[in-house]
Amino acid sequence: MSTNPAQFDDDSAPPPSDDIRAGEYVLGVLDAFERRHAQARIAGEPTFARLVDEWENHFAAWTTDAATAEPPAHVWPRICSRLGWPAAEAARPNVWSNVGFWRGVAGLAAAAALAVFFIGRAPVPLPTPSPSEEQAARPVTVLLRDDGSTGWIASIDPARGKLLMVPVPHSLGADGRVDELWIIPAGKAPLSLGLVSNDKAHTIAVPPTLQKELVAGATLAVTLEPQSGMPHAAPSGPIVAKGSISAI
């Protein structure tokens, strides 16, 4: 996060409260050093870890407040025009299913959420990251359906072994089957991560025995399965969406 050192570099200013720091961690606005420090606190301080969980649940709920809508055809060309991008970018197909686009949207959403987060609060000194450090954003995996549309967006927090799953809301079939999430390591059989919601954002805790499989090259997939007996030993229904984890 880039700041003006002359404006914010004040050694006499108090550090952010634990509540604010937990919110910044969930939003992904900390630099690499601060993020590692926050992760160490999550592992060693139950109170701080609970604050992180509370903010995670708070921000996840925002995604369920707005009704889904198909963006008009003119939206993406107008965005490209405002950003000064070439006309070819405006004609790029399937942008709504592009992982780079969603990472950009995640960054814009974090900035907007951060603005709301600080409304009504006293000014808080912002840290000045070292030039050698990069902001550590959570990896994002887009799970695509067969028609190329987005089924889910998965935000991966490998340090805590958690997945924030954000669905594009959809109806389930009349046969009673539900969506089940799987991690498929390269060259291995699918491993169930349990039920994934079809209409609400929620966090899935990855079992410790499976966290080592949450790496680049693995695939996240959703299949339709009977609700009873979940998590299942192996998938029996069709794959409805999938996406490869490209970075961790």
Protein backbone atom coordinates (compact mmCIF):
# COMPACT_ATOMS: atom_id res chain seq x y z
CA MET A 1 0.00 0.00 0.00
CA SER A 2 1.55 3.23 -1.16
CA THR A 3 1.46 6.23 1.17
CA ASN A 4 3.08 9.62 1.52
CA PRO A 5 5.87 9.24 4.12
CA ALA A 6 5.87 12.96 4.92
CA GLN A 7 2.20 12.75 5.83
CA PHE A 8 1.98 9.43 7.64
CA ASP A 9 5.44 8.64 9.00
CA ASP A 10 4.88 9.63 12.63
CA ASP A 11 6.69 7.57 15.25
CA SER A 12 4.65 9.22 18.00
CA ALA A 13 1.31 8.01 16.59
CA PRO A 14 -0.25 4.97 18.30
CA PRO A 15 -0.36 1.71 16.32
CA PRO A 16 -3.68 0.51 14.89
CA SER A 17 -5.96 -1.31 17.32
CA ASP A 18 -6.27 -5.08 17.10
CA ASP A 19 -9.78 -4.64 15.68
CA ILE A 20 -8.55 -2.40 12.85
CA ARG A 21 -5.54 -4.61 12.14
CA ALA A 22 -7.80 -7.68 11.91
CA GLY A 23 -10.05 -5.83 9.44
CA GLU A 24 -7.05 -4.77 7.35
CA TYR A 25 -5.85 -8.39 7.24
CA VAL A 26 -9.22 -9.65 6.02
CA LEU A 27 -9.38 -6.90 3.36
CA GLY A 28 -5.89 -7.84 2.12
CA VAL A 29 -4.46 -4.31 2.41
CA LEU A 30 -1.41 -5.16 4.54
CA ASP A 31 2.06 -5.30 3.04
CA ALA A 32 4.04 -8.56 3.11
CA PHE A 33 5.78 -7.93 6.45
CA GLU A 34 2.57 -6.86 8.21
CA ARG A 35 0.67 -9.80 6.76
CA ARG A 36 3.25 -12.30 8.06
CA HIS A 37 3.10 -10.63 11.47
CA ALA A 38 -0.71 -10.84 11.48
CA GLN A 39 -0.58 -14.52 10.49
CA ALA A 40 1.78 -15.21 13.40
CA ARG A 41 -0.67 -13.48 15.76
CA ILE A 42 -3.56 -15.53 14.37
CA ALA A 43 -1.64 -18.72 15.14
CA GLY A 44 -0.62 -17.65 18.63
CA GLU A 45 -3.36 -15.31 19.91
CA PRO A 46 -6.90 -16.74 20.04
CA THR A 47 -8.41 -13.31 20.74
CA PHE A 48 -6.87 -11.80 17.61
CA ALA A 49 -7.85 -14.88 15.56
CA ARG A 50 -11.44 -14.42 16.73
CA LEU A 51 -11.41 -10.77 15.55
CA VAL A 52 -10.21 -11.93 12.12
CA ASP A 53 -13.05 -14.46 11.95
CA GLU A 54 -15.59 -11.78 12.91
CA TRP A 55 -14.40 -9.40 10.18
CA GLU A 56 -14.29 -12.22 7.64
CA ASN A 57 -17.90 -13.11 8.39
CA HIS A 58 -18.87 -9.43 8.34
CA PHE A 59 -17.43 -8.71 4.89
CA ALA A 60 -18.63 -12.03 3.44
CA ALA A 61 -22.19 -11.05 4.30
CA TRP A 62 -21.95 -7.97 2.06
CA THR A 63 -21.94 -10.19 -1.02
CA THR A 64 -25.46 -11.45 -0.23
CA ASP A 65 -27.05 -7.99 0.08
CA ALA A 66 -27.28 -7.20 -3.63
CA ALA A 67 -29.37 -9.08 -6.14
CA THR A 68 -27.48 -10.63 -9.03
CA ALA A 69 -27.71 -8.95 -12.42
CA GLU A 70 -26.12 -9.49 -15.80
CA PRO A 71 -23.94 -6.44 -16.57
CA PRO A 72 -25.03 -4.56 -19.72
CA ALA A 73 -22.83 -4.99 -22.79
CA HIS A 74 -21.61 -1.38 -22.64
CA VAL A 75 -20.13 -1.68 -19.12
CA TRP A 76 -16.79 -3.28 -19.95
CA PRO A 77 -16.04 -1.01 -22.98
CA ARG A 78 -16.81 2.02 -20.81
CA ILE A 79 -14.44 0.76 -18.08
CA CYS A 80 -11.71 0.28 -20.69
CA SER A 81 -12.33 3.79 -22.03
CA ARG A 82 -12.14 5.39 -18.59
CA LEU A 83 -8.89 3.53 -17.85
CA GLY A 84 -7.38 4.50 -21.19
CA TRP A 85 -7.03 0.88 -22.34
CA PRO A 86 -6.95 -0.01 -26.07
CA ALA A 87 -10.20 -0.73 -27.85
CA ALA A 88 -9.09 -4.35 -28.25
CA GLU A 89 -9.39 -4.76 -24.51
CA ALA A 90 -13.03 -3.73 -24.70
CA ALA A 91 -13.74 -6.52 -27.17
CA ARG A 92 -11.96 -9.18 -25.15
CA PRO A 93 -14.37 -12.11 -24.69
CA ASN A 94 -15.40 -13.70 -21.42
CA VAL A 95 -13.95 -10.95 -19.23
CA TRP A 96 -16.36 -11.71 -16.41
CA SER A 97 -14.80 -15.17 -16.07
CA ASN A 98 -11.20 -13.94 -16.26
CA VAL A 99 -9.21 -14.47 -13.06
CA GLY A 100 -7.20 -11.32 -13.64
CA PHE A 101 -10.40 -9.30 -13.87
CA TRP A 102 -11.67 -10.74 -10.58
CA ARG A 103 -8.36 -9.99 -8.86
CA GLY A 104 -8.71 -6.41 -10.02
CA VAL A 105 -12.29 -6.28 -8.78
CA ALA A 106 -11.13 -7.71 -5.45
CA GLY A 107 -8.62 -4.89 -5.14
CA LEU A 108 -11.25 -2.25 -5.92
CA ALA A 109 -13.67 -3.87 -3.49
CA ALA A 110 -11.02 -3.87 -0.77
CA ALA A 111 -10.41 -0.18 -1.32
CA ALA A 112 -14.11 0.60 -1.18
CA ALA A 113 -14.61 -1.53 1.90
CA LEU A 114 -11.64 0.09 3.56
CA ALA A 115 -13.19 3.52 3.00
CA VAL A 116 -16.42 2.38 4.66
CA PHE A 117 -14.40 0.69 7.40
CA PHE A 118 -12.80 3.98 8.46
CA ILE A 119 -15.89 6.20 8.22
CA GLY A 120 -16.61 7.69 11.63
CA ARG A 121 -13.27 6.58 13.09
CA ALA A 122 -10.39 8.74 14.19
CA PRO A 123 -7.54 8.99 11.65
CA VAL A 124 -5.23 6.01 11.83
CA PRO A 125 -1.56 6.22 10.78
CA LEU A 126 -0.95 4.16 7.66
CA PRO A 127 2.28 2.16 7.45
CA THR A 128 4.87 2.87 4.78
CA PRO A 129 5.97 -0.47 3.26
CA SER A 130 9.55 -1.15 2.35
CA PRO A 131 10.22 -0.80 -1.40
CA SER A 132 11.36 -4.43 -1.43
CA GLU A 133 8.05 -5.70 -0.05
CA GLU A 134 4.95 -6.40 -2.09
CA GLN A 135 1.42 -6.39 -0.85
CA ALA A 136 0.39 -9.99 -0.29
CA ALA A 137 -3.02 -10.47 -1.88
CA ARG A 138 -4.98 -13.61 -1.28
CA PRO A 139 -4.93 -15.93 -4.28
CA VAL A 140 -8.21 -16.04 -6.22
CA THR A 141 -9.48 -19.01 -8.21
CA VAL A 142 -12.51 -18.68 -10.51
CA LEU A 143 -14.55 -21.87 -10.88
CA LEU A 144 -16.09 -21.88 -14.35
CA ARG A 145 -19.11 -23.76 -15.63
CA ASP A 146 -19.11 -25.65 -18.94
CA ASP A 147 -20.59 -22.64 -20.74
CA GLY A 148 -17.73 -20.43 -19.53
CA SER A 149 -19.78 -18.53 -16.96
CA THR A 150 -18.58 -18.06 -13.39
CA GLY A 151 -19.95 -20.51 -10.83
CA TRP A 152 -17.91 -19.59 -7.76
CA ILE A 153 -15.01 -17.38 -6.80
CA ALA A 154 -12.64 -18.92 -4.25
CA SER A 155 -10.41 -16.67 -2.15
CA ILE A 156 -7.66 -18.80 -0.63
CA ASP A 157 -6.07 -18.13 2.76
CA PRO A 158 -3.36 -20.84 2.90
CA ALA A 159 -1.88 -19.59 6.18
CA ARG A 160 -5.15 -20.30 7.99
CA GLY A 161 -6.27 -23.20 5.85
CA LYS A 162 -9.50 -21.50 4.80
CA LEU A 163 -11.43 -20.85 1.60
CA LEU A 164 -13.89 -18.00 1.17
CA MET A 165 -16.37 -19.29 -1.41
CA VAL A 166 -18.50 -16.67 -3.19
CA PRO A 167 -21.15 -18.21 -5.49
CA VAL A 168 -22.96 -16.69 -8.38
CA PRO A 169 -26.38 -17.60 -6.93
CA HIS A 170 -28.20 -20.37 -8.75
CA SER A 171 -31.03 -22.81 -8.14
CA LEU A 172 -30.51 -26.46 -7.33
CA GLY A 173 -32.30 -29.26 -9.16
CA ALA A 174 -35.49 -30.89 -7.97
CA ASP A 175 -33.71 -34.18 -7.28
CA GLY A 176 -32.42 -32.98 -3.88
CA ARG A 177 -28.74 -33.07 -4.79
CA VAL A 178 -26.49 -30.27 -3.51
CA ASP A 179 -23.13 -28.77 -4.42
CA GLU A 180 -20.03 -30.45 -2.96
CA LEU A 181 -16.56 -28.91 -3.19
CA TRP A 182 -13.47 -30.98 -3.99
CA ILE A 183 -9.74 -30.35 -4.03
CA ILE A 184 -8.07 -32.40 -6.76
CA PRO A 185 -4.27 -32.49 -6.34
CA ALA A 186 -2.28 -32.96 -9.53
CA GLY A 187 -2.23 -36.67 -10.38
CA LYS A 188 -4.36 -37.66 -7.36
CA ALA A 189 -7.97 -38.54 -6.62
CA PRO A 190 -10.51 -35.87 -5.57
CA LEU A 191 -10.76 -35.06 -1.86
CA SER A 192 -13.98 -33.66 -0.45
CA LEU A 193 -14.13 -30.30 1.31
CA GLY A 194 -17.84 -30.73 2.04
CA LEU A 195 -20.93 -28.73 1.18
CA VAL A 196 -20.54 -25.43 -0.66
CA SER A 197 -23.40 -22.93 -0.72
CA ASN A 198 -25.19 -22.18 -3.98
CA ASP A 199 -26.44 -18.74 -2.90
CA LYS A 200 -24.39 -17.27 -0.03
CA ALA A 201 -20.73 -16.45 0.54
CA HIS A 202 -19.22 -18.50 3.34
CA THR A 203 -15.90 -19.73 4.68
CA ILE A 204 -14.83 -23.37 4.50
CA ALA A 205 -12.23 -24.60 6.98
CA VAL A 206 -9.90 -27.02 5.18
CA PRO A 207 -9.03 -30.02 7.39
CA PRO A 208 -5.37 -30.01 8.47
CA THR A 209 -4.78 -33.28 6.61
CA LEU A 210 -5.83 -31.62 3.33
CA GLN A 211 -4.21 -28.20 3.72
CA LYS A 212 -0.97 -29.42 2.14
CA GLU A 213 -2.94 -30.13 -1.05
CA LEU A 214 -4.09 -26.50 -1.35
CA VAL A 215 -1.24 -25.58 -3.70
CA ALA A 216 -0.70 -24.21 -7.18
CA GLY A 217 -1.51 -26.83 -9.80
CA ALA A 218 -4.36 -28.37 -7.82
CA THR A 219 -7.95 -28.02 -9.03
CA LEU A 220 -11.04 -26.89 -7.15
CA ALA A 221 -14.20 -28.53 -8.47
CA VAL A 222 -17.88 -28.66 -7.54
CA THR A 223 -20.10 -31.66 -8.23
CA LEU A 224 -23.76 -32.42 -7.59
CA GLU A 225 -24.06 -34.99 -4.82
CA PRO A 226 -26.63 -36.44 -2.36
CA GLN A 227 -26.75 -34.36 0.80
CA SER A 228 -26.67 -37.44 3.02
CA GLY A 229 -23.28 -38.94 3.76
CA MET A 230 -21.34 -35.74 3.08
CA PRO A 231 -18.38 -35.42 2.87
CA HIS A 232 -18.26 -38.31 0.43
CA ALA A 233 -15.28 -40.54 -0.25
CA ALA A 234 -15.51 -39.92 -4.00
CA PRO A 235 -17.69 -37.89 -6.37
CA SER A 236 -20.63 -39.63 -8.02
CA GLY A 237 -22.35 -36.73 -9.80
CA PRO A 238 -21.37 -34.44 -12.67
CA ILE A 239 -18.84 -31.62 -12.35
CA VAL A 240 -20.76 -28.33 -12.49
CA ALA A 241 -17.77 -25.94 -12.15
CA LYS A 242 -14.01 -26.13 -11.79
CA GLY A 243 -10.89 -23.97 -11.71
CA SER A 244 -7.15 -24.50 -11.39
CA ILE A 245 -5.23 -22.88 -8.52
CA SER A 246 -2.60 -20.85 -10.31
CA ALA A 247 -0.76 -19.24 -7.38
CA ILE A 248 -0.48 -19.47 -3.60
